[in-house]
C-alpha cells in the first residue's frame, strides 16, 4: 500500500496551519489514523517525526521573516507558536547554529553580497544541468528566500515559453552500477506557482543501448497551478542490465517550481513501484485493412 497520498494530505494541512495548534492527535485525526500508527507512517515516508517536521518548518519560515522583514523576534516567536523568545532561540540555534538576532545581522549582510553575484553564481548548480525540449526558454537557480529547510532551495521557472508542450528539467545522471537489482526511491519537497502545464519529480533507468527500462515523471499524478510545499516520491526498480540512472525536476509549460530536500535511497521490495507502463496489448491479427470501419 502506498501512503504517499495520505502524507501529502497531512503536509498540506500542516503547511496551512503552521500558526495554529498542531498536536500529533489533531494531525492524526486529519489523516484518519491513530496517532501511534500515523507517527510510524510519517517517520518512514518523510524521514522525520511529525513534531520534528512541524518544528523545522516553523523555524524555516521564521528565518525568512528575520531576513526579509523588520518584525520583532518575540513577535515572530509567538506567531509560530513558541511559548517564549527563549524557547524559540533554543530551537532556532539547533538548526542554524546562531541565535535569531545574530542570524539576522550576519546572514543579512551575506545575503546582500550573494545577491550582487546572483546571475553569475546561482545559475551554476553543482551537479545539476538544464535540459529539456526548450531549455533556453527556462531558468534554473538557487532561491535563498523561498526554501523548505536550511537556507536555500533550487528552482526552475519559465522565462520565454511560447507554446504548449515546451518543457525543461533540472537534472543529473549517473552510473547505475552501485544500484543493480535494487529498488530505489527518489523523494523531495516541491512548491509550485502558476504552473499551466504540469511539474514534478522524474526518474529514468536506461540500459547500455539507451533504451528505457523504468520511467516515471508523475504524469499520472501531475502537480499543477499553485501549491505550497509538499512531499512527493518516485519508486523504480533497477534491472541487472541497467547502465544509467537519470533524476530531475520537470516543468512543462509556464510556471515556477521550487524543490528542496531531495533524497535518493534504497527501499525494500514491499514498497510499491510507480513505474509508468507504456506497452500496449498486441492484437492476435491485423484489423481494418480496408479502412471501412
C-alpha atoms as a PDB file:
ATOM      1  CA  UNK A   1       0.000   0.000   0.000  1.00  0.00           C
ATOM      2  CA  UNK A   2       1.236   3.494  -0.890  1.00  0.00           C
ATOM      3  CA  UNK A   3       0.801   6.035   1.903  1.00  0.00           C
ATOM      4  CA  UNK A   4       2.059   8.938  -0.201  1.00  0.00           C
ATOM      5  CA  UNK A   5      -1.392  10.497  -0.885  1.00  0.00           C
ATOM      6  CA  UNK A   6      -2.141  10.432   2.853  1.00  0.00           C
ATOM      7  CA  UNK A   7       1.232  12.003   3.656  1.00  0.00           C
ATOM      8  CA  UNK A   8       0.599  14.734   1.079  1.00  0.00           C
ATOM      9  CA  UNK A   9      -2.824  15.466   2.587  1.00  0.00           C
ATOM     10  CA  UNK A  10      -1.240  15.782   6.027  1.00  0.00           C
ATOM     11  CA  UNK A  11       1.588  18.045   4.874  1.00  0.00           C
ATOM     12  CA  UNK A  12      -0.886  20.248   3.009  1.00  0.00           C
ATOM     13  CA  UNK A  13      -2.809  20.624   6.256  1.00  0.00           C
ATOM     14  CA  UNK A  14       0.361  21.362   8.246  1.00  0.00           C
ATOM     15  CA  UNK A  15       1.617  23.978   5.775  1.00  0.00           C
ATOM     16  CA  UNK A  16      -1.678  25.850   6.033  1.00  0.00           C
ATOM     17  CA  UNK A  17      -1.819  25.711   9.842  1.00  0.00           C
ATOM     18  CA  UNK A  18       1.729  26.438  10.987  1.00  0.00           C
ATOM     19  CA  UNK A  19       0.434  29.341  13.091  1.00  0.00           C
ATOM     20  CA  UNK A  20      -2.114  27.174  14.931  1.00  0.00           C
ATOM     21  CA  UNK A  21      -2.017  24.215  17.292  1.00  0.00           C
ATOM     22  CA  UNK A  22      -0.580  21.171  15.504  1.00  0.00           C
ATOM     23  CA  UNK A  23      -0.597  18.354  18.011  1.00  0.00           C
ATOM     24  CA  UNK A  24       0.005  14.778  16.908  1.00  0.00           C
ATOM     25  CA  UNK A  25      -3.576  13.899  17.887  1.00  0.00           C
ATOM     26  CA  UNK A  26      -5.009  16.632  15.693  1.00  0.00           C
ATOM     27  CA  UNK A  27      -2.872  15.764  12.671  1.00  0.00           C
ATOM     28  CA  UNK A  28      -3.542  12.019  13.006  1.00  0.00           C
ATOM     29  CA  UNK A  29      -7.294  12.697  13.076  1.00  0.00           C
ATOM     30  CA  UNK A  30      -6.937  14.625   9.810  1.00  0.00           C
ATOM     31  CA  UNK A  31      -5.267  11.560   8.301  1.00  0.00           C
ATOM     32  CA  UNK A  32      -7.799   9.146   9.782  1.00  0.00           C
ATOM     33  CA  UNK A  33      -5.279   7.075  11.771  1.00  0.00           C
ATOM     34  CA  UNK A  34      -4.386   6.523  15.376  1.00  0.00           C
ATOM     35  CA  UNK A  35      -1.564   8.806  16.450  1.00  0.00           C
ATOM     36  CA  UNK A  36       0.805   5.899  17.107  1.00  0.00           C
ATOM     37  CA  UNK A  37       0.251   4.293  13.717  1.00  0.00           C
ATOM     38  CA  UNK A  38       0.449   7.576  11.851  1.00  0.00           C
ATOM     39  CA  UNK A  39       3.632   8.562  13.673  1.00  0.00           C
ATOM     40  CA  UNK A  40       5.291   5.431  12.272  1.00  0.00           C
ATOM     41  CA  UNK A  41       3.959   6.034   8.748  1.00  0.00           C
ATOM     42  CA  UNK A  42       5.081   9.668   8.644  1.00  0.00           C
ATOM     43  CA  UNK A  43       8.526   8.867  10.037  1.00  0.00           C
ATOM     44  CA  UNK A  44       9.051   6.110   7.483  1.00  0.00           C
ATOM     45  CA  UNK A  45       7.843   8.134   4.480  1.00  0.00           C
ATOM     46  CA  UNK A  46       9.320  11.560   5.274  1.00  0.00           C
ATOM     47  CA  UNK A  47      12.323  10.614   7.376  1.00  0.00           C
ATOM     48  CA  UNK A  48      11.483  12.746  10.414  1.00  0.00           C
ATOM     49  CA  UNK A  49       8.745  12.652  13.038  1.00  0.00           C
ATOM     50  CA  UNK A  50       5.669  14.853  12.667  1.00  0.00           C
ATOM     51  CA  UNK A  51       6.700  17.035  15.614  1.00  0.00           C
ATOM     52  CA  UNK A  52      10.188  17.500  14.151  1.00  0.00           C
ATOM     53  CA  UNK A  53       8.706  18.365  10.747  1.00  0.00           C
ATOM     54  CA  UNK A  54       6.389  20.998  12.233  1.00  0.00           C
ATOM     55  CA  UNK A  55       9.252  22.467  14.272  1.00  0.00           C
ATOM     56  CA  UNK A  56      11.692  22.865  11.396  1.00  0.00           C
ATOM     57  CA  UNK A  57       9.029  24.260   9.045  1.00  0.00           C
ATOM     58  CA  UNK A  58       8.175  26.905  11.635  1.00  0.00           C
ATOM     59  CA  UNK A  59      11.877  27.663  12.088  1.00  0.00           C
ATOM     60  CA  UNK A  60      12.465  27.864   8.315  1.00  0.00           C
ATOM     61  CA  UNK A  61       9.589  30.329   7.908  1.00  0.00           C
ATOM     62  CA  UNK A  62      10.919  32.282  10.880  1.00  0.00           C
ATOM     63  CA  UNK A  63      14.345  32.529   9.215  1.00  0.00           C
ATOM     64  CA  UNK A  64      12.726  34.107   6.167  1.00  0.00           C
ATOM     65  CA  UNK A  65      10.901  36.659   8.320  1.00  0.00           C
ATOM     66  CA  UNK A  66      14.148  37.518  10.120  1.00  0.00           C
ATOM     67  CA  UNK A  67      15.921  38.294   6.843  1.00  0.00           C
ATOM     68  CA  UNK A  68      13.144  39.884   4.811  1.00  0.00           C
ATOM     69  CA  UNK A  69      11.069  41.777   7.404  1.00  0.00           C
ATOM     70  CA  UNK A  70      11.605  44.062  10.385  1.00  0.00           C
ATOM     71  CA  UNK A  71       9.312  42.043  12.648  1.00  0.00           C
ATOM     72  CA  UNK A  72      10.480  41.797  16.260  1.00  0.00           C
ATOM     73  CA  UNK A  73      11.954  38.447  17.264  1.00  0.00           C
ATOM     74  CA  UNK A  74       9.429  37.970  20.068  1.00  0.00           C
ATOM     75  CA  UNK A  75       6.555  38.594  17.626  1.00  0.00           C
ATOM     76  CA  UNK A  76       7.952  36.027  15.182  1.00  0.00           C
ATOM     77  CA  UNK A  77       8.361  33.536  18.015  1.00  0.00           C
ATOM     78  CA  UNK A  78       4.777  33.929  19.228  1.00  0.00           C
ATOM     79  CA  UNK A  79       3.398  33.927  15.674  1.00  0.00           C
ATOM     80  CA  UNK A  80       4.850  30.461  15.141  1.00  0.00           C
ATOM     81  CA  UNK A  81       3.529  29.121  18.445  1.00  0.00           C
ATOM     82  CA  UNK A  82       6.695  29.169  20.537  1.00  0.00           C
ATOM     83  CA  UNK A  83       5.996  29.705  24.214  1.00  0.00           C
ATOM     84  CA  UNK A  84       8.668  32.364  24.634  1.00  0.00           C
ATOM     85  CA  UNK A  85      11.564  34.050  22.893  1.00  0.00           C
ATOM     86  CA  UNK A  86      13.903  31.796  24.889  1.00  0.00           C
ATOM     87  CA  UNK A  87      12.318  28.562  23.628  1.00  0.00           C
ATOM     88  CA  UNK A  88      12.335  29.970  20.083  1.00  0.00           C
ATOM     89  CA  UNK A  89      16.036  30.830  20.396  1.00  0.00           C
ATOM     90  CA  UNK A  90      16.894  27.301  21.576  1.00  0.00           C
ATOM     91  CA  UNK A  91      15.085  25.719  18.638  1.00  0.00           C
ATOM     92  CA  UNK A  92      16.479  28.209  16.143  1.00  0.00           C
ATOM     93  CA  UNK A  93      20.081  27.580  17.257  1.00  0.00           C
ATOM     94  CA  UNK A  94      19.566  23.831  16.762  1.00  0.00           C
ATOM     95  CA  UNK A  95      19.053  24.334  13.021  1.00  0.00           C
ATOM     96  CA  UNK A  96      21.083  27.454  12.219  1.00  0.00           C
ATOM     97  CA  UNK A  97      23.783  27.363  14.932  1.00  0.00           C
ATOM     98  CA  UNK A  98      23.169  31.039  15.681  1.00  0.00           C
ATOM     99  CA  UNK A  99      20.624  32.842  17.872  1.00  0.00           C
ATOM    100  CA  UNK A 100      17.955  34.686  15.834  1.00  0.00           C
ATOM    101  CA  UNK A 101      19.403  38.162  16.411  1.00  0.00           C
ATOM    102  CA  UNK A 102      22.891  37.225  15.219  1.00  0.00           C
ATOM    103  CA  UNK A 103      21.438  35.260  12.310  1.00  0.00           C
ATOM    104  CA  UNK A 104      19.530  38.363  11.162  1.00  0.00           C
ATOM    105  CA  UNK A 105      22.645  40.525  11.398  1.00  0.00           C
ATOM    106  CA  UNK A 106      25.237  38.150   9.916  1.00  0.00           C
ATOM    107  CA  UNK A 107      23.140  36.418   7.271  1.00  0.00           C
ATOM    108  CA  UNK A 108      21.560  39.701   6.231  1.00  0.00           C
ATOM    109  CA  UNK A 109      24.977  41.058   5.223  1.00  0.00           C
ATOM    110  CA  UNK A 110      25.920  37.841   3.433  1.00  0.00           C
ATOM    111  CA  UNK A 111      22.595  37.831   1.624  1.00  0.00           C
ATOM    112  CA  UNK A 112      23.210  41.206   0.033  1.00  0.00           C
ATOM    113  CA  UNK A 113      26.710  40.138  -1.032  1.00  0.00           C
ATOM    114  CA  UNK A 114      25.324  36.985  -2.642  1.00  0.00           C
ATOM    115  CA  UNK A 115      22.598  38.920  -4.428  1.00  0.00           C
ATOM    116  CA  UNK A 116      25.241  41.036  -6.156  1.00  0.00           C
ATOM    117  CA  UNK A 117      26.714  37.872  -7.716  1.00  0.00           C
ATOM    118  CA  UNK A 118      23.409  36.079  -8.223  1.00  0.00           C
ATOM    119  CA  UNK A 119      23.411  35.961 -12.005  1.00  0.00           C
ATOM    120  CA  UNK A 120      26.928  34.537 -12.118  1.00  0.00           C
ATOM    121  CA  UNK A 121      26.782  32.025  -9.328  1.00  0.00           C
ATOM    122  CA  UNK A 122      23.214  30.827  -8.810  1.00  0.00           C
ATOM    123  CA  UNK A 123      22.802  29.573 -12.369  1.00  0.00           C
ATOM    124  CA  UNK A 124      25.623  27.104 -11.782  1.00  0.00           C
ATOM    125  CA  UNK A 125      24.097  24.452  -9.558  1.00  0.00           C
ATOM    126  CA  UNK A 126      26.761  21.897  -8.694  1.00  0.00           C
ATOM    127  CA  UNK A 127      25.835  18.536 -10.152  1.00  0.00           C
ATOM    128  CA  UNK A 128      22.727  19.807 -11.991  1.00  0.00           C
ATOM    129  CA  UNK A 129      22.215  20.712 -15.639  1.00  0.00           C
ATOM    130  CA  UNK A 130      19.387  22.417 -17.505  1.00  0.00           C
ATOM    131  CA  UNK A 131      17.888  20.264 -20.260  1.00  0.00           C
ATOM    132  CA  UNK A 132      14.569  19.537 -21.975  1.00  0.00           C
ATOM    133  CA  UNK A 133      12.832  20.404 -25.235  1.00  0.00           C
ATOM    134  CA  UNK A 134      13.398  24.176 -24.899  1.00  0.00           C
ATOM    135  CA  UNK A 135      15.868  24.739 -22.036  1.00  0.00           C
ATOM    136  CA  UNK A 136      16.715  28.218 -23.344  1.00  0.00           C
ATOM    137  CA  UNK A 137      13.136  29.290 -22.529  1.00  0.00           C
ATOM    138  CA  UNK A 138      13.629  28.451 -18.859  1.00  0.00           C
ATOM    139  CA  UNK A 139      15.872  29.403 -15.968  1.00  0.00           C
ATOM    140  CA  UNK A 140      17.189  27.369 -13.056  1.00  0.00           C
ATOM    141  CA  UNK A 141      18.965  28.606  -9.987  1.00  0.00           C
ATOM    142  CA  UNK A 142      19.078  28.921  -6.215  1.00  0.00           C
ATOM    143  CA  UNK A 143      16.401  30.727  -4.208  1.00  0.00           C
ATOM    144  CA  UNK A 144      17.563  31.960  -0.804  1.00  0.00           C
ATOM    145  CA  UNK A 145      14.214  33.458   0.183  1.00  0.00           C
ATOM    146  CA  UNK A 146      11.867  30.540  -0.520  1.00  0.00           C
ATOM    147  CA  UNK A 147      13.001  27.194   0.870  1.00  0.00           C
ATOM    148  CA  UNK A 148      11.661  24.226   2.784  1.00  0.00           C
ATOM    149  CA  UNK A 149      14.558  23.729   5.175  1.00  0.00           C
ATOM    150  CA  UNK A 150      18.014  25.217   5.613  1.00  0.00           C
ATOM    151  CA  UNK A 151      18.907  28.358   3.703  1.00  0.00           C
ATOM    152  CA  UNK A 152      18.080  27.790   0.028  1.00  0.00           C
ATOM    153  CA  UNK A 153      16.122  25.756  -2.500  1.00  0.00           C
ATOM    154  CA  UNK A 154      16.597  25.005  -6.170  1.00  0.00           C
ATOM    155  CA  UNK A 155      14.153  26.418  -8.678  1.00  0.00           C
ATOM    156  CA  UNK A 156      13.095  26.076 -12.296  1.00  0.00           C
ATOM    157  CA  UNK A 157      10.921  28.707 -13.956  1.00  0.00           C
ATOM    158  CA  UNK A 158       9.664  29.678 -17.380  1.00  0.00           C
ATOM    159  CA  UNK A 159      11.041  32.868 -18.910  1.00  0.00           C
ATOM    160  CA  UNK A 160      10.083  32.994 -22.597  1.00  0.00           C
ATOM    161  CA  UNK A 161       7.868  29.947 -23.078  1.00  0.00           C
ATOM    162  CA  UNK A 162       5.826  30.403 -26.248  1.00  0.00           C
ATOM    163  CA  UNK A 163       3.937  27.186 -26.994  1.00  0.00           C
ATOM    164  CA  UNK A 164       2.123  24.436 -25.152  1.00  0.00           C
ATOM    165  CA  UNK A 165       4.330  21.375 -24.916  1.00  0.00           C
ATOM    166  CA  UNK A 166       7.601  23.138 -24.220  1.00  0.00           C
ATOM    167  CA  UNK A 167       9.352  21.796 -21.142  1.00  0.00           C
ATOM    168  CA  UNK A 168      12.617  21.929 -19.265  1.00  0.00           C
ATOM    169  CA  UNK A 169      14.224  19.972 -16.497  1.00  0.00           C
ATOM    170  CA  UNK A 170      16.974  20.474 -13.975  1.00  0.00           C
ATOM    171  CA  UNK A 171      18.601  17.061 -13.944  1.00  0.00           C
ATOM    172  CA  UNK A 172      21.607  14.878 -13.311  1.00  0.00           C
ATOM    173  CA  UNK A 173      22.586  11.399 -14.402  1.00  0.00           C
ATOM    174  CA  UNK A 174      24.998   8.811 -13.056  1.00  0.00           C
ATOM    175  CA  UNK A 175      26.110   5.215 -13.475  1.00  0.00           C
ATOM    176  CA  UNK A 176      23.704   2.509 -12.337  1.00  0.00           C
ATOM    177  CA  UNK A 177      26.467   0.091 -11.260  1.00  0.00           C
ATOM    178  CA  UNK A 178      26.013   0.572  -7.499  1.00  0.00           C
ATOM    179  CA  UNK A 179      22.252   0.080  -7.667  1.00  0.00           C
ATOM    180  CA  UNK A 180      21.762  -3.009  -9.871  1.00  0.00           C
ATOM    181  CA  UNK A 181      18.934  -5.226  -8.653  1.00  0.00           C
ATOM    182  CA  UNK A 182      17.779  -2.669  -6.112  1.00  0.00           C
ATOM    183  CA  UNK A 183      14.524  -0.746  -5.670  1.00  0.00           C
ATOM    184  CA  UNK A 184      15.170   2.980  -5.344  1.00  0.00           C
ATOM    185  CA  UNK A 185      13.101   5.855  -4.048  1.00  0.00           C
ATOM    186  CA  UNK A 186      13.548   9.441  -5.208  1.00  0.00           C
ATOM    187  CA  UNK A 187      11.659  11.854  -2.964  1.00  0.00           C
ATOM    188  CA  UNK A 188      11.644  15.521  -2.104  1.00  0.00           C
ATOM    189  CA  UNK A 189       9.598  18.603  -1.340  1.00  0.00           C
ATOM    190  CA  UNK A 190       8.097  20.693  -4.154  1.00  0.00           C
ATOM    191  CA  UNK A 191       6.319  24.053  -4.216  1.00  0.00           C
ATOM    192  CA  UNK A 192       4.718  25.437  -7.383  1.00  0.00           C
ATOM    193  CA  UNK A 193       3.287  28.715  -8.653  1.00  0.00           C
ATOM    194  CA  UNK A 194       1.315  29.403 -11.821  1.00  0.00           C
ATOM    195  CA  UNK A 195       2.079  26.053 -13.471  1.00  0.00           C
ATOM    196  CA  UNK A 196      -0.217  25.819 -16.507  1.00  0.00           C
ATOM    197  CA  UNK A 197       1.188  22.504 -17.758  1.00  0.00           C
ATOM    198  CA  UNK A 198       2.492  20.297 -15.002  1.00  0.00           C
ATOM    199  CA  UNK A 199       5.584  19.773 -12.888  1.00  0.00           C
ATOM    200  CA  UNK A 200       7.024  17.036 -10.734  1.00  0.00           C
ATOM    201  CA  UNK A 201       9.944  14.790  -9.980  1.00  0.00           C
ATOM    202  CA  UNK A 202      11.117  12.329 -12.610  1.00  0.00           C
ATOM    203  CA  UNK A 203      13.446   9.344 -12.763  1.00  0.00           C
ATOM    204  CA  UNK A 204      14.584   7.121 -15.626  1.00  0.00           C
ATOM    205  CA  UNK A 205      16.663   3.923 -15.807  1.00  0.00           C
ATOM    206  CA  UNK A 206      18.347   3.129 -19.158  1.00  0.00           C
ATOM    207  CA  UNK A 207      20.367   0.189 -20.455  1.00  0.00           C
ATOM    208  CA  UNK A 208      23.634   0.357 -22.436  1.00  0.00           C
ATOM    209  CA  UNK A 209      21.692   0.888 -25.685  1.00  0.00           C
ATOM    210  CA  UNK A 210      19.900   3.868 -24.101  1.00  0.00           C
ATOM    211  CA  UNK A 211      16.615   2.002 -24.121  1.00  0.00           C
ATOM    212  CA  UNK A 212      14.331   2.977 -21.246  1.00  0.00           C
ATOM    213  CA  UNK A 213      13.866   0.186 -18.716  1.00  0.00           C
ATOM    214  CA  UNK A 214      11.989   2.056 -15.986  1.00  0.00           C
ATOM    215  CA  UNK A 215      10.464   5.545 -16.019  1.00  0.00           C
ATOM    216  CA  UNK A 216       8.198   7.841 -14.024  1.00  0.00           C
ATOM    217  CA  UNK A 217       7.624  11.587 -14.460  1.00  0.00           C
ATOM    218  CA  UNK A 218       4.489  11.868 -12.310  1.00  0.00           C
ATOM    219  CA  UNK A 219       2.368  12.498 -15.412  1.00  0.00           C
ATOM    220  CA  UNK A 220      -0.343  10.307 -13.870  1.00  0.00           C
ATOM    221  CA  UNK A 221      -0.352  12.465 -10.716  1.00  0.00           C
ATOM    222  CA  UNK A 222       0.758  15.884 -12.004  1.00  0.00           C
ATOM    223  CA  UNK A 223       1.351  18.993  -9.918  1.00  0.00           C
ATOM    224  CA  UNK A 224      -0.494  21.949 -11.443  1.00  0.00           C
ATOM    225  CA  UNK A 225      -1.263  25.544 -10.515  1.00  0.00           C
ATOM    226  CA  UNK A 226      -0.277  26.974  -7.128  1.00  0.00           C
ATOM    227  CA  UNK A 227       0.738  24.575  -4.368  1.00  0.00           C
ATOM    228  CA  UNK A 228       2.516  25.023  -1.049  1.00  0.00           C
ATOM    229  CA  UNK A 229       5.410  22.736  -0.123  1.00  0.00           C
ATOM    230  CA  UNK A 230       4.526  19.062  -0.167  1.00  0.00           C
ATOM    231  CA  UNK A 231       6.262  15.705  -0.274  1.00  0.00           C
ATOM    232  CA  UNK A 232       6.421  13.623  -3.466  1.00  0.00           C
ATOM    233  CA  UNK A 233       8.099  10.325  -4.307  1.00  0.00           C
ATOM    234  CA  UNK A 234       9.020   8.034  -7.178  1.00  0.00           C
ATOM    235  CA  UNK A 235       9.966   4.372  -6.715  1.00  0.00           C
ATOM    236  CA  UNK A 236      11.638   2.365  -9.504  1.00  0.00           C
ATOM    237  CA  UNK A 237      13.493  -0.909  -9.860  1.00  0.00           C
ATOM    238  CA  UNK A 238      16.990  -1.003 -11.357  1.00  0.00           C
ATOM    239  CA  UNK A 239      17.239  -4.150 -13.508  1.00  0.00           C
ATOM    240  CA  UNK A 240      20.538  -6.036 -13.719  1.00  0.00           C
ATOM    241  CA  UNK A 241      21.150  -4.783 -17.291  1.00  0.00           C
ATOM    242  CA  UNK A 242      20.835  -1.101 -16.303  1.00  0.00           C
ATOM    243  CA  UNK A 243      23.597   1.347 -17.242  1.00  0.00           C
ATOM    244  CA  UNK A 244      22.451   4.890 -16.412  1.00  0.00           C
ATOM    245  CA  UNK A 245      20.061   6.477 -13.916  1.00  0.00           C
ATOM    246  CA  UNK A 246      18.748   9.981 -14.525  1.00  0.00           C
ATOM    247  CA  UNK A 247      16.799  12.064 -11.995  1.00  0.00           C
ATOM    248  CA  UNK A 248      15.402  15.553 -12.016  1.00  0.00           C
ATOM    249  CA  UNK A 249      12.586  18.044 -11.680  1.00  0.00           C
ATOM    250  CA  UNK A 250      10.366  18.721 -14.686  1.00  0.00           C
ATOM    251  CA  UNK A 251       8.397  21.843 -15.618  1.00  0.00           C
ATOM    252  CA  UNK A 252       6.099  21.648 -18.640  1.00  0.00           C
ATOM    253  CA  UNK A 253       4.643  24.930 -19.891  1.00  0.00           C
ATOM    254  CA  UNK A 254       4.712  28.159 -17.930  1.00  0.00           C
ATOM    255  CA  UNK A 255       5.205  28.488 -14.201  1.00  0.00           C
ATOM    256  CA  UNK A 256       7.691  28.353 -11.364  1.00  0.00           C
ATOM    257  CA  UNK A 257       8.676  25.289  -9.340  1.00  0.00           C
ATOM    258  CA  UNK A 258      10.893  25.052  -6.255  1.00  0.00           C
ATOM    259  CA  UNK A 259      12.492  21.840  -4.965  1.00  0.00           C
ATOM    260  CA  UNK A 260      14.261  21.098  -1.694  1.00  0.00           C
ATOM    261  CA  UNK A 261      15.499  18.199   0.451  1.00  0.00           C
ATOM    262  CA  UNK A 262      15.760  15.634  -2.339  1.00  0.00           C
ATOM    263  CA  UNK A 263      16.669  12.150  -1.135  1.00  0.00           C
ATOM    264  CA  UNK A 264      17.728   9.102  -3.141  1.00  0.00           C
ATOM    265  CA  UNK A 265      17.653   5.832  -1.236  1.00  0.00           C
ATOM    266  CA  UNK A 266      17.144   2.107  -1.467  1.00  0.00           C
ATOM    267  CA  UNK A 267      13.821   0.723  -0.225  1.00  0.00           C
ATOM    268  CA  UNK A 268      12.595  -2.817   0.318  1.00  0.00           C
ATOM    269  CA  UNK A 269      10.541  -4.655  -2.266  1.00  0.00           C
ATOM    270  CA  UNK A 270       7.376  -4.258  -0.198  1.00  0.00           C
ATOM    271  CA  UNK A 271       7.359  -0.618  -1.285  1.00  0.00           C
ATOM    272  CA  UNK A 272       5.223  -0.393  -4.458  1.00  0.00           C
ATOM    273  CA  UNK A 273       6.876   0.997  -7.585  1.00  0.00           C
ATOM    274  CA  UNK A 274       5.496   3.926  -9.573  1.00  0.00           C
ATOM    275  CA  UNK A 275       6.877   2.830 -12.956  1.00  0.00           C
ATOM    276  CA  UNK A 276       4.745   4.062 -15.850  1.00  0.00           C
ATOM    277  CA  UNK A 277       3.903   1.284 -18.296  1.00  0.00           C
ATOM    278  CA  UNK A 278       3.849   2.337 -21.937  1.00  0.00           C
ATOM    279  CA  UNK A 279       3.349  -1.067 -23.520  1.00  0.00           C
ATOM    280  CA  UNK A 280       0.024  -1.737 -25.234  1.00  0.00           C
ATOM    281  CA  UNK A 281      -1.719  -5.069 -25.721  1.00  0.00           C
ATOM    282  CA  UNK A 282      -0.868  -6.786 -29.021  1.00  0.00           C
ATOM    283  CA  UNK A 283      -3.729  -7.991 -31.186  1.00  0.00           C
ATOM    284  CA  UNK A 284      -3.874 -11.559 -32.473  1.00  0.00           C
ATOM    285  CA  UNK A 285      -4.197 -10.389 -36.100  1.00  0.00           C
ATOM    286  CA  UNK A 286      -4.393  -7.180 -38.158  1.00  0.00           C
ATOM    287  CA  UNK A 287      -7.720  -5.343 -38.369  1.00  0.00           C
ATOM    288  CA  UNK A 288      -9.483  -2.740 -40.540  1.00  0.00           C
ATOM    289  CA  UNK A 289      -7.195  -3.235 -43.522  1.00  0.00           C
ATOM    290  CA  UNK A 290      -9.813  -1.738 -45.885  1.00  0.00           C
ATOM    291  CA  UNK A 291     -10.256   1.335 -43.687  1.00  0.00           C
ATOM    292  CA  UNK A 292     -14.054   0.905 -43.772  1.00  0.00           C
ATOM    293  CA  UNK A 293     -14.544   0.568 -40.017  1.00  0.00           C
END
